[in-house]
């Protein structure tokens, strides 16, 4: 089968051009669709979490599955500089899933939705061959941030650690546990979405949710904005903190490669002027400047003072890698 990007283009062509009328501002091609609303914009996204694709039940509790499913969708909304309002969830239940399991999954959704202040207000239940959770999240923004718009001179910011989720996944696959990898496993089970940064991100020039790996998603943003992103290796590793280095060492991975190639971080990669600060005049906590926007094309990383090109590679849902 063709890759995800190519198939999406074919689907968009088959659906036809989205009418741009009084309500529709942005259709297929970004983290969310955008609808016009009096005084603001509504952003709308949907995301599916599928057993044996995004998780395995021997690794996660049903509470974790529910939490993770909500967070993965809500992160797209935050990446547009929007505040989540409410969500819908469609559950496809396989024969292994009991009523008690569904209740536990719902408790995980509840926990995540409370953190977002965006309740799950409805959805659908059906039977199927594979357990999956499809979450639709609606949010509101004054001016949604798109993947296009980054300008030379902007700083590149990350809203959280990169690479820990990859290492958490790897620890489960290799059946290596212990205190060295537990922080990474926690990031895999319950990724933290920075809902508090929606207002700050509203001032960014461009942003994208890092779900398919930093290298691939940064390349998508660079291509859409028509710029070059130059990332700093030391800042990328520092972004993950000691937890990244310790887990990488235990698993035989290089911290920098984990940060570049990891998927499902649900961290927002944002481009913004260096002078952009929060409403109180201070830079919000937890943000890390990991690079700079330049004129040109593609993505590079500076290692020991030298630039090397970063291949636009990451997780492709249709190829499985």
C-alpha atoms as a PDB file:
ATOM      1  CA  UNK A   1       0.000   0.000   0.000  1.00  0.00           C
ATOM      2  CA  UNK A   2       1.124   3.545  -0.668  1.00  0.00           C
ATOM      3  CA  UNK A   3       2.344   5.730   2.202  1.00  0.00           C
ATOM      4  CA  UNK A   4       0.097   7.755   4.475  1.00  0.00           C
ATOM      5  CA  UNK A   5       0.786  11.164   2.912  1.00  0.00           C
ATOM      6  CA  UNK A   6       0.156   9.915  -0.622  1.00  0.00           C
ATOM      7  CA  UNK A   7      -3.051   8.137   0.344  1.00  0.00           C
ATOM      8  CA  UNK A   8      -4.326  11.207   2.197  1.00  0.00           C
ATOM      9  CA  UNK A   9      -3.802  13.233  -0.962  1.00  0.00           C
ATOM     10  CA  UNK A  10      -5.823  10.697  -2.956  1.00  0.00           C
ATOM     11  CA  UNK A  11      -8.605  10.710  -0.361  1.00  0.00           C
ATOM     12  CA  UNK A  12      -8.727  14.505  -0.418  1.00  0.00           C
ATOM     13  CA  UNK A  13      -8.956  14.458  -4.208  1.00  0.00           C
ATOM     14  CA  UNK A  14     -11.734  11.862  -4.120  1.00  0.00           C
ATOM     15  CA  UNK A  15     -13.709  13.883  -1.580  1.00  0.00           C
ATOM     16  CA  UNK A  16     -13.402  16.959  -3.732  1.00  0.00           C
ATOM     17  CA  UNK A  17     -12.518  20.511  -2.836  1.00  0.00           C
ATOM     18  CA  UNK A  18     -13.914  21.571   0.532  1.00  0.00           C
ATOM     19  CA  UNK A  19     -16.312  24.485   0.008  1.00  0.00           C
ATOM     20  CA  UNK A  20     -14.927  27.587   1.692  1.00  0.00           C
ATOM     21  CA  UNK A  21     -18.102  29.342   2.751  1.00  0.00           C
ATOM     22  CA  UNK A  22     -19.293  31.264   5.759  1.00  0.00           C
ATOM     23  CA  UNK A  23     -18.542  28.378   8.126  1.00  0.00           C
ATOM     24  CA  UNK A  24     -15.555  26.448   6.720  1.00  0.00           C
ATOM     25  CA  UNK A  25     -12.167  28.164   7.036  1.00  0.00           C
ATOM     26  CA  UNK A  26      -9.742  25.222   6.792  1.00  0.00           C
ATOM     27  CA  UNK A  27     -10.257  21.644   5.632  1.00  0.00           C
ATOM     28  CA  UNK A  28      -7.945  18.658   5.173  1.00  0.00           C
ATOM     29  CA  UNK A  29      -4.207  19.121   5.671  1.00  0.00           C
ATOM     30  CA  UNK A  30      -3.483  20.389   9.185  1.00  0.00           C
ATOM     31  CA  UNK A  31      -3.816  19.097  12.754  1.00  0.00           C
ATOM     32  CA  UNK A  32      -7.473  20.185  12.816  1.00  0.00           C
ATOM     33  CA  UNK A  33     -10.200  21.478  10.558  1.00  0.00           C
ATOM     34  CA  UNK A  34     -11.347  25.030  11.343  1.00  0.00           C
ATOM     35  CA  UNK A  35     -14.889  26.368  11.363  1.00  0.00           C
ATOM     36  CA  UNK A  36     -15.892  29.994  11.790  1.00  0.00           C
ATOM     37  CA  UNK A  37     -17.927  30.928  14.834  1.00  0.00           C
ATOM     38  CA  UNK A  38     -19.033  34.365  16.072  1.00  0.00           C
ATOM     39  CA  UNK A  39     -16.046  35.948  17.819  1.00  0.00           C
ATOM     40  CA  UNK A  40     -13.755  32.910  17.484  1.00  0.00           C
ATOM     41  CA  UNK A  41     -12.915  29.791  15.517  1.00  0.00           C
ATOM     42  CA  UNK A  42     -13.887  26.199  16.250  1.00  0.00           C
ATOM     43  CA  UNK A  43     -11.204  23.574  15.637  1.00  0.00           C
ATOM     44  CA  UNK A  44     -12.197  19.965  15.130  1.00  0.00           C
ATOM     45  CA  UNK A  45     -10.097  16.806  15.089  1.00  0.00           C
ATOM     46  CA  UNK A  46     -10.523  13.037  15.286  1.00  0.00           C
ATOM     47  CA  UNK A  47      -8.004  10.358  16.252  1.00  0.00           C
ATOM     48  CA  UNK A  48      -8.146   6.561  16.535  1.00  0.00           C
ATOM     49  CA  UNK A  49      -6.219   4.335  18.934  1.00  0.00           C
ATOM     50  CA  UNK A  50      -6.235   0.697  17.790  1.00  0.00           C
ATOM     51  CA  UNK A  51      -5.182  -2.414  19.703  1.00  0.00           C
ATOM     52  CA  UNK A  52      -1.968  -4.004  18.354  1.00  0.00           C
ATOM     53  CA  UNK A  53      -1.245  -0.793  16.411  1.00  0.00           C
ATOM     54  CA  UNK A  54      -1.038   1.969  19.037  1.00  0.00           C
ATOM     55  CA  UNK A  55      -0.936  -0.192  22.170  1.00  0.00           C
ATOM     56  CA  UNK A  56      -1.135  -3.723  23.519  1.00  0.00           C
ATOM     57  CA  UNK A  57      -3.383  -4.680  26.370  1.00  0.00           C
ATOM     58  CA  UNK A  58      -0.643  -6.644  28.092  1.00  0.00           C
ATOM     59  CA  UNK A  59       1.214  -3.343  28.444  1.00  0.00           C
ATOM     60  CA  UNK A  60      -1.572  -0.978  29.463  1.00  0.00           C
ATOM     61  CA  UNK A  61      -4.551  -0.980  31.779  1.00  0.00           C
ATOM     62  CA  UNK A  62      -7.925  -0.076  30.301  1.00  0.00           C
ATOM     63  CA  UNK A  63      -7.729   3.179  32.249  1.00  0.00           C
ATOM     64  CA  UNK A  64      -4.451   3.941  30.457  1.00  0.00           C
ATOM     65  CA  UNK A  65      -6.006   3.104  27.084  1.00  0.00           C
ATOM     66  CA  UNK A  66      -8.864   5.526  27.699  1.00  0.00           C
ATOM     67  CA  UNK A  67      -6.550   8.266  28.955  1.00  0.00           C
ATOM     68  CA  UNK A  68      -4.151   7.849  26.054  1.00  0.00           C
ATOM     69  CA  UNK A  69      -6.914   7.895  23.458  1.00  0.00           C
ATOM     70  CA  UNK A  70      -8.279  11.201  24.738  1.00  0.00           C
ATOM     71  CA  UNK A  71      -4.849  12.817  25.060  1.00  0.00           C
ATOM     72  CA  UNK A  72      -3.787  11.866  21.525  1.00  0.00           C
ATOM     73  CA  UNK A  73      -6.777  13.684  20.023  1.00  0.00           C
ATOM     74  CA  UNK A  74      -6.717  16.669  22.377  1.00  0.00           C
ATOM     75  CA  UNK A  75      -3.062  17.317  21.560  1.00  0.00           C
ATOM     76  CA  UNK A  76      -4.048  18.192  17.983  1.00  0.00           C
ATOM     77  CA  UNK A  77      -6.384  20.875  19.309  1.00  0.00           C
ATOM     78  CA  UNK A  78      -3.692  22.364  21.558  1.00  0.00           C
ATOM     79  CA  UNK A  79      -1.265  22.388  18.608  1.00  0.00           C
ATOM     80  CA  UNK A  80      -3.635  24.814  16.872  1.00  0.00           C
ATOM     81  CA  UNK A  81      -3.406  27.165  19.863  1.00  0.00           C
ATOM     82  CA  UNK A  82      -6.961  26.201  20.830  1.00  0.00           C
ATOM     83  CA  UNK A  83      -8.618  25.298  24.113  1.00  0.00           C
ATOM     84  CA  UNK A  84     -10.527  21.991  24.111  1.00  0.00           C
ATOM     85  CA  UNK A  85     -14.262  22.333  24.798  1.00  0.00           C
ATOM     86  CA  UNK A  86     -15.773  18.852  24.597  1.00  0.00           C
ATOM     87  CA  UNK A  87     -15.268  15.419  23.061  1.00  0.00           C
ATOM     88  CA  UNK A  88     -17.109  12.473  21.525  1.00  0.00           C
ATOM     89  CA  UNK A  89     -15.834   8.892  21.683  1.00  0.00           C
ATOM     90  CA  UNK A  90     -16.651   5.887  19.517  1.00  0.00           C
ATOM     91  CA  UNK A  91     -15.685   2.521  21.001  1.00  0.00           C
ATOM     92  CA  UNK A  92     -15.347  -0.629  18.899  1.00  0.00           C
ATOM     93  CA  UNK A  93     -15.311  -3.557  21.318  1.00  0.00           C
ATOM     94  CA  UNK A  94     -13.863  -6.933  20.466  1.00  0.00           C
ATOM     95  CA  UNK A  95     -14.954 -10.226  22.113  1.00  0.00           C
ATOM     96  CA  UNK A  96     -12.218  -9.954  24.765  1.00  0.00           C
ATOM     97  CA  UNK A  97     -13.562  -6.675  26.136  1.00  0.00           C
ATOM     98  CA  UNK A  98     -15.912  -6.995  29.125  1.00  0.00           C
ATOM     99  CA  UNK A  99     -18.344  -4.467  30.550  1.00  0.00           C
ATOM    100  CA  UNK A 100     -15.958  -3.919  33.459  1.00  0.00           C
ATOM    101  CA  UNK A 101     -13.197  -3.197  30.933  1.00  0.00           C
ATOM    102  CA  UNK A 102     -15.380  -0.580  29.230  1.00  0.00           C
ATOM    103  CA  UNK A 103     -16.069   1.081  32.568  1.00  0.00           C
ATOM    104  CA  UNK A 104     -12.338   1.190  33.307  1.00  0.00           C
ATOM    105  CA  UNK A 105     -11.628   2.652  29.878  1.00  0.00           C
ATOM    106  CA  UNK A 106     -14.257   5.330  30.506  1.00  0.00           C
ATOM    107  CA  UNK A 107     -12.597   6.214  33.811  1.00  0.00           C
ATOM    108  CA  UNK A 108      -9.342   6.831  31.939  1.00  0.00           C
ATOM    109  CA  UNK A 109     -11.172   9.056  29.462  1.00  0.00           C
ATOM    110  CA  UNK A 110     -12.719  10.910  32.393  1.00  0.00           C
ATOM    111  CA  UNK A 111      -9.323  11.517  33.995  1.00  0.00           C
ATOM    112  CA  UNK A 112      -7.862  12.912  30.776  1.00  0.00           C
ATOM    113  CA  UNK A 113     -10.928  15.000  29.963  1.00  0.00           C
ATOM    114  CA  UNK A 114     -10.901  16.575  33.422  1.00  0.00           C
ATOM    115  CA  UNK A 115      -7.311  17.658  32.911  1.00  0.00           C
ATOM    116  CA  UNK A 116      -8.427  19.286  29.660  1.00  0.00           C
ATOM    117  CA  UNK A 117     -11.649  20.708  31.170  1.00  0.00           C
ATOM    118  CA  UNK A 118     -13.374  19.198  28.133  1.00  0.00           C
ATOM    119  CA  UNK A 119     -15.919  16.491  29.047  1.00  0.00           C
ATOM    120  CA  UNK A 120     -16.806  13.507  26.890  1.00  0.00           C
ATOM    121  CA  UNK A 121     -20.427  14.337  26.059  1.00  0.00           C
ATOM    122  CA  UNK A 122     -21.436  11.418  23.829  1.00  0.00           C
ATOM    123  CA  UNK A 123     -20.320   8.884  21.258  1.00  0.00           C
ATOM    124  CA  UNK A 124     -21.052   5.395  20.002  1.00  0.00           C
ATOM    125  CA  UNK A 125     -20.618   1.737  20.974  1.00  0.00           C
ATOM    126  CA  UNK A 126     -20.218  -1.082  18.466  1.00  0.00           C
ATOM    127  CA  UNK A 127     -18.783  -4.587  18.186  1.00  0.00           C
ATOM    128  CA  UNK A 128     -15.858  -5.496  15.956  1.00  0.00           C
ATOM    129  CA  UNK A 129     -12.860  -7.750  15.515  1.00  0.00           C
ATOM    130  CA  UNK A 130     -10.400  -5.313  17.147  1.00  0.00           C
ATOM    131  CA  UNK A 131     -10.639  -2.985  20.122  1.00  0.00           C
ATOM    132  CA  UNK A 132     -10.357   0.645  19.062  1.00  0.00           C
ATOM    133  CA  UNK A 133     -11.145   4.033  20.576  1.00  0.00           C
ATOM    134  CA  UNK A 134     -11.908   6.921  18.211  1.00  0.00           C
ATOM    135  CA  UNK A 135     -12.014  10.342  19.838  1.00  0.00           C
ATOM    136  CA  UNK A 136     -13.321  13.573  18.356  1.00  0.00           C
ATOM    137  CA  UNK A 137     -12.340  16.768  20.168  1.00  0.00           C
ATOM    138  CA  UNK A 138     -13.771  20.233  19.585  1.00  0.00           C
ATOM    139  CA  UNK A 139     -11.848  23.323  20.640  1.00  0.00           C
ATOM    140  CA  UNK A 140     -12.005  27.092  20.392  1.00  0.00           C
ATOM    141  CA  UNK A 141      -9.383  29.639  19.346  1.00  0.00           C
ATOM    142  CA  UNK A 142      -9.388  33.285  18.351  1.00  0.00           C
ATOM    143  CA  UNK A 143      -6.847  32.663  15.565  1.00  0.00           C
ATOM    144  CA  UNK A 144      -5.878  29.000  15.037  1.00  0.00           C
ATOM    145  CA  UNK A 145      -2.185  28.340  14.430  1.00  0.00           C
ATOM    146  CA  UNK A 146      -1.409  26.388  11.277  1.00  0.00           C
ATOM    147  CA  UNK A 147       1.596  24.452  10.074  1.00  0.00           C
ATOM    148  CA  UNK A 148       2.391  27.235   7.636  1.00  0.00           C
ATOM    149  CA  UNK A 149       3.596  30.634   8.785  1.00  0.00           C
ATOM    150  CA  UNK A 150       7.021  30.044  10.370  1.00  0.00           C
ATOM    151  CA  UNK A 151       9.472  32.844   9.537  1.00  0.00           C
ATOM    152  CA  UNK A 152      13.281  32.999   9.437  1.00  0.00           C
ATOM    153  CA  UNK A 153      14.488  34.247  12.795  1.00  0.00           C
ATOM    154  CA  UNK A 154      11.800  32.456  14.808  1.00  0.00           C
ATOM    155  CA  UNK A 155      12.890  30.128  17.564  1.00  0.00           C
ATOM    156  CA  UNK A 156      11.726  26.514  17.509  1.00  0.00           C
ATOM    157  CA  UNK A 157      10.132  25.456  20.780  1.00  0.00           C
ATOM    158  CA  UNK A 158       9.103  22.104  22.260  1.00  0.00           C
ATOM    159  CA  UNK A 159       6.379  21.971  24.906  1.00  0.00           C
ATOM    160  CA  UNK A 160       7.676  18.814  26.568  1.00  0.00           C
ATOM    161  CA  UNK A 161      10.168  15.936  26.411  1.00  0.00           C
ATOM    162  CA  UNK A 162      10.861  14.244  23.095  1.00  0.00           C
ATOM    163  CA  UNK A 163      11.856  10.598  22.728  1.00  0.00           C
ATOM    164  CA  UNK A 164      10.689   9.232  26.077  1.00  0.00           C
ATOM    165  CA  UNK A 165       7.586   7.629  24.581  1.00  0.00           C
ATOM    166  CA  UNK A 166       9.734   5.772  22.041  1.00  0.00           C
ATOM    167  CA  UNK A 167      11.918   4.445  24.835  1.00  0.00           C
ATOM    168  CA  UNK A 168       8.882   3.483  26.881  1.00  0.00           C
ATOM    169  CA  UNK A 169       7.510   1.516  23.944  1.00  0.00           C
ATOM    170  CA  UNK A 170      10.880  -0.111  23.367  1.00  0.00           C
ATOM    171  CA  UNK A 171      11.101  -1.161  27.013  1.00  0.00           C
ATOM    172  CA  UNK A 172       7.780  -2.994  26.681  1.00  0.00           C
ATOM    173  CA  UNK A 173       8.806  -4.623  23.411  1.00  0.00           C
ATOM    174  CA  UNK A 174      12.126  -5.809  24.893  1.00  0.00           C
ATOM    175  CA  UNK A 175      10.496  -6.697  28.236  1.00  0.00           C
ATOM    176  CA  UNK A 176      12.990  -4.538  30.120  1.00  0.00           C
ATOM    177  CA  UNK A 177      11.536  -2.911  33.216  1.00  0.00           C
ATOM    178  CA  UNK A 178      12.830  -1.198  36.334  1.00  0.00           C
ATOM    179  CA  UNK A 179      13.297   2.298  37.689  1.00  0.00           C
ATOM    180  CA  UNK A 180      15.588   3.294  34.804  1.00  0.00           C
ATOM    181  CA  UNK A 181      12.779   2.965  32.252  1.00  0.00           C
ATOM    182  CA  UNK A 182       9.699   3.651  34.393  1.00  0.00           C
ATOM    183  CA  UNK A 183       9.530   7.405  33.575  1.00  0.00           C
ATOM    184  CA  UNK A 184       9.608   6.524  29.880  1.00  0.00           C
ATOM    185  CA  UNK A 185       6.895   3.916  30.378  1.00  0.00           C
ATOM    186  CA  UNK A 186       4.774   6.467  32.202  1.00  0.00           C
ATOM    187  CA  UNK A 187       5.077   8.846  29.238  1.00  0.00           C
ATOM    188  CA  UNK A 188       3.942   6.030  26.949  1.00  0.00           C
ATOM    189  CA  UNK A 189       0.997   5.100  29.153  1.00  0.00           C
ATOM    190  CA  UNK A 190      -0.179   8.616  29.942  1.00  0.00           C
ATOM    191  CA  UNK A 191       1.329  11.328  27.727  1.00  0.00           C
ATOM    192  CA  UNK A 192       1.102  14.790  29.209  1.00  0.00           C
ATOM    193  CA  UNK A 193      -0.630  17.410  27.077  1.00  0.00           C
ATOM    194  CA  UNK A 194       0.147  21.040  27.935  1.00  0.00           C
ATOM    195  CA  UNK A 195      -3.392  22.443  27.966  1.00  0.00           C
ATOM    196  CA  UNK A 196      -2.087  25.438  29.886  1.00  0.00           C
ATOM    197  CA  UNK A 197      -0.059  26.548  26.875  1.00  0.00           C
ATOM    198  CA  UNK A 198      -2.971  27.008  24.466  1.00  0.00           C
ATOM    199  CA  UNK A 199      -2.932  30.780  25.009  1.00  0.00           C
ATOM    200  CA  UNK A 200       0.831  31.051  24.503  1.00  0.00           C
ATOM    201  CA  UNK A 201       0.685  28.890  21.378  1.00  0.00           C
ATOM    202  CA  UNK A 202      -1.939  31.244  19.992  1.00  0.00           C
ATOM    203  CA  UNK A 203       0.897  33.713  19.415  1.00  0.00           C
ATOM    204  CA  UNK A 204       3.086  31.235  17.534  1.00  0.00           C
ATOM    205  CA  UNK A 205       3.690  31.643  13.809  1.00  0.00           C
ATOM    206  CA  UNK A 206       3.354  27.892  13.120  1.00  0.00           C
ATOM    207  CA  UNK A 207       2.931  24.698  15.123  1.00  0.00           C
ATOM    208  CA  UNK A 208       2.423  20.952  14.751  1.00  0.00           C
ATOM    209  CA  UNK A 209       1.625  18.076  17.083  1.00  0.00           C
ATOM    210  CA  UNK A 210       4.554  15.619  17.268  1.00  0.00           C
ATOM    211  CA  UNK A 211       2.797  12.284  16.856  1.00  0.00           C
ATOM    212  CA  UNK A 212       4.728  10.555  14.054  1.00  0.00           C
ATOM    213  CA  UNK A 213       8.207  11.509  15.235  1.00  0.00           C
ATOM    214  CA  UNK A 214      10.037  14.840  15.449  1.00  0.00           C
ATOM    215  CA  UNK A 215      12.041  14.302  12.257  1.00  0.00           C
ATOM    216  CA  UNK A 216       8.931  13.680  10.154  1.00  0.00           C
ATOM    217  CA  UNK A 217       6.645  16.236  11.771  1.00  0.00           C
ATOM    218  CA  UNK A 218       9.311  18.957  11.749  1.00  0.00           C
ATOM    219  CA  UNK A 219       9.808  18.256   8.042  1.00  0.00           C
ATOM    220  CA  UNK A 220       6.068  18.641   7.475  1.00  0.00           C
ATOM    221  CA  UNK A 221       6.039  22.015   9.206  1.00  0.00           C
ATOM    222  CA  UNK A 222       9.166  23.177   7.355  1.00  0.00           C
ATOM    223  CA  UNK A 223       7.692  22.168   3.988  1.00  0.00           C
ATOM    224  CA  UNK A 224       4.354  23.845   4.632  1.00  0.00           C
ATOM    225  CA  UNK A 225       6.041  27.041   5.839  1.00  0.00           C
ATOM    226  CA  UNK A 226       8.693  27.048   3.124  1.00  0.00           C
ATOM    227  CA  UNK A 227      11.568  27.345   5.608  1.00  0.00           C
ATOM    228  CA  UNK A 228      14.446  25.379   7.096  1.00  0.00           C
ATOM    229  CA  UNK A 229      14.491  24.244  10.711  1.00  0.00           C
ATOM    230  CA  UNK A 230      17.909  23.907  12.319  1.00  0.00           C
ATOM    231  CA  UNK A 231      17.703  21.986  15.583  1.00  0.00           C
ATOM    232  CA  UNK A 232      20.282  21.821  18.367  1.00  0.00           C
ATOM    233  CA  UNK A 233      21.292  18.313  19.447  1.00  0.00           C
ATOM    234  CA  UNK A 234      22.168  19.305  23.007  1.00  0.00           C
ATOM    235  CA  UNK A 235      18.844  21.087  23.478  1.00  0.00           C
ATOM    236  CA  UNK A 236      16.926  18.095  22.106  1.00  0.00           C
ATOM    237  CA  UNK A 237      18.564  15.741  24.596  1.00  0.00           C
ATOM    238  CA  UNK A 238      18.205  18.253  27.439  1.00  0.00           C
ATOM    239  CA  UNK A 239      14.526  18.524  26.598  1.00  0.00           C
ATOM    240  CA  UNK A 240      14.085  14.900  27.674  1.00  0.00           C
ATOM    241  CA  UNK A 241      16.068  15.437  30.856  1.00  0.00           C
ATOM    242  CA  UNK A 242      17.970  12.817  32.767  1.00  0.00           C
ATOM    243  CA  UNK A 243      15.096  10.361  32.279  1.00  0.00           C
ATOM    244  CA  UNK A 244      15.842  10.248  28.537  1.00  0.00           C
ATOM    245  CA  UNK A 245      19.552   9.630  28.989  1.00  0.00           C
ATOM    246  CA  UNK A 246      19.092   6.993  31.687  1.00  0.00           C
ATOM    247  CA  UNK A 247      16.424   5.066  29.782  1.00  0.00           C
ATOM    248  CA  UNK A 248      18.383   5.287  26.522  1.00  0.00           C
ATOM    249  CA  UNK A 249      21.491   3.903  28.197  1.00  0.00           C
ATOM    250  CA  UNK A 250      19.510   1.021  29.714  1.00  0.00           C
ATOM    251  CA  UNK A 251      17.970   0.174  26.346  1.00  0.00           C
ATOM    252  CA  UNK A 252      21.102   0.624  24.242  1.00  0.00           C
ATOM    253  CA  UNK A 253      19.698   3.627  22.354  1.00  0.00           C
ATOM    254  CA  UNK A 254      21.222   7.003  21.531  1.00  0.00           C
ATOM    255  CA  UNK A 255      19.298   9.813  23.262  1.00  0.00           C
ATOM    256  CA  UNK A 256      19.478  12.095  20.214  1.00  0.00           C
ATOM    257  CA  UNK A 257      18.115   9.440  17.880  1.00  0.00           C
ATOM    258  CA  UNK A 258      15.315   8.662  20.319  1.00  0.00           C
ATOM    259  CA  UNK A 259      14.374  12.353  20.398  1.00  0.00           C
ATOM    260  CA  UNK A 260      14.424  12.641  16.603  1.00  0.00           C
ATOM    261  CA  UNK A 261      12.736   9.350  15.703  1.00  0.00           C
ATOM    262  CA  UNK A 262      10.312   8.793  18.554  1.00  0.00           C
ATOM    263  CA  UNK A 263       6.599   8.906  17.838  1.00  0.00           C
ATOM    264  CA  UNK A 264       3.457   9.635  19.871  1.00  0.00           C
ATOM    265  CA  UNK A 265       5.178  12.208  22.075  1.00  0.00           C
ATOM    266  CA  UNK A 266       2.102  14.476  21.777  1.00  0.00           C
ATOM    267  CA  UNK A 267       4.431  17.397  22.318  1.00  0.00           C
ATOM    268  CA  UNK A 268       3.792  20.540  20.300  1.00  0.00           C
ATOM    269  CA  UNK A 269       6.588  21.805  18.063  1.00  0.00           C
ATOM    270  CA  UNK A 270       6.047  25.554  17.732  1.00  0.00           C
ATOM    271  CA  UNK A 271       7.817  28.357  15.910  1.00  0.00           C
ATOM    272  CA  UNK A 272       7.581  31.750  17.555  1.00  0.00           C
ATOM    273  CA  UNK A 273       9.543  34.996  17.896  1.00  0.00           C
ATOM    274  CA  UNK A 274      12.090  34.940  20.689  1.00  0.00           C
ATOM    275  CA  UNK A 275      10.253  37.846  22.331  1.00  0.00           C
ATOM    276  CA  UNK A 276       6.974  35.927  22.657  1.00  0.00           C
ATOM    277  CA  UNK A 277       6.128  35.434  26.338  1.00  0.00           C
ATOM    278  CA  UNK A 278       3.069  34.580  28.367  1.00  0.00           C
ATOM    279  CA  UNK A 279       0.327  36.939  29.450  1.00  0.00           C
ATOM    280  CA  UNK A 280       2.169  37.670  32.704  1.00  0.00           C
ATOM    281  CA  UNK A 281       5.301  38.756  30.834  1.00  0.00           C
ATOM    282  CA  UNK A 282       7.214  35.554  31.624  1.00  0.00           C
ATOM    283  CA  UNK A 283       8.064  32.540  29.519  1.00  0.00           C
ATOM    284  CA  UNK A 284       5.771  29.623  30.477  1.00  0.00           C
ATOM    285  CA  UNK A 285       7.502  26.837  32.369  1.00  0.00           C
ATOM    286  CA  UNK A 286       8.476  23.639  30.600  1.00  0.00           C
ATOM    287  CA  UNK A 287       9.122  25.216  27.216  1.00  0.00           C
ATOM    288  CA  UNK A 288      12.491  24.435  25.651  1.00  0.00           C
ATOM    289  CA  UNK A 289      14.024  26.284  22.694  1.00  0.00           C
ATOM    290  CA  UNK A 290      15.428  23.503  20.511  1.00  0.00           C
ATOM    291  CA  UNK A 291      16.400  25.361  17.350  1.00  0.00           C
ATOM    292  CA  UNK A 292      15.888  28.240  14.959  1.00  0.00           C
ATOM    293  CA  UNK A 293      14.055  28.887  11.719  1.00  0.00           C
ATOM    294  CA  UNK A 294      16.195  29.850   8.729  1.00  0.00           C
ATOM    295  CA  UNK A 295      15.637  30.547   5.065  1.00  0.00           C
ATOM    296  CA  UNK A 296      15.933  27.387   2.992  1.00  0.00           C
ATOM    297  CA  UNK A 297      14.357  23.949   2.960  1.00  0.00           C
ATOM    298  CA  UNK A 298      14.336  20.825   5.106  1.00  0.00           C
ATOM    299  CA  UNK A 299      15.474  20.063   8.636  1.00  0.00           C
ATOM    300  CA  UNK A 300      18.999  19.843  10.043  1.00  0.00           C
ATOM    301  CA  UNK A 301      20.451  19.129  13.459  1.00  0.00           C
ATOM    302  CA  UNK A 302      23.658  20.666  14.810  1.00  0.00           C
ATOM    303  CA  UNK A 303      25.906  18.054  16.428  1.00  0.00           C
ATOM    304  CA  UNK A 304      29.277  19.155  17.837  1.00  0.00           C
ATOM    305  CA  UNK A 305      29.075  22.389  15.855  1.00  0.00           C
ATOM    306  CA  UNK A 306      28.299  20.732  12.534  1.00  0.00           C
ATOM    307  CA  UNK A 307      24.997  20.609  10.699  1.00  0.00           C
ATOM    308  CA  UNK A 308      23.713  17.317   9.349  1.00  0.00           C
ATOM    309  CA  UNK A 309      20.548  16.832   7.383  1.00  0.00           C
ATOM    310  CA  UNK A 310      17.641  15.065   9.060  1.00  0.00           C
ATOM    311  CA  UNK A 311      15.760  12.607   6.918  1.00  0.00           C
ATOM    312  CA  UNK A 312      11.998  13.174   6.875  1.00  0.00           C
ATOM    313  CA  UNK A 313      11.323   9.737   8.319  1.00  0.00           C
ATOM    314  CA  UNK A 314       9.003   8.625  11.110  1.00  0.00           C
ATOM    315  CA  UNK A 315       6.005   6.455  11.788  1.00  0.00           C
ATOM    316  CA  UNK A 316       3.761   5.829   8.778  1.00  0.00           C
ATOM    317  CA  UNK A 317       0.446   4.215   9.738  1.00  0.00           C
ATOM    318  CA  UNK A 318       0.125   2.441   6.412  1.00  0.00           C
ATOM    319  CA  UNK A 319       3.665   1.136   6.219  1.00  0.00           C
ATOM    320  CA  UNK A 320       3.938   0.454   9.954  1.00  0.00           C
ATOM    321  CA  UNK A 321       7.226   2.329  10.373  1.00  0.00           C
END
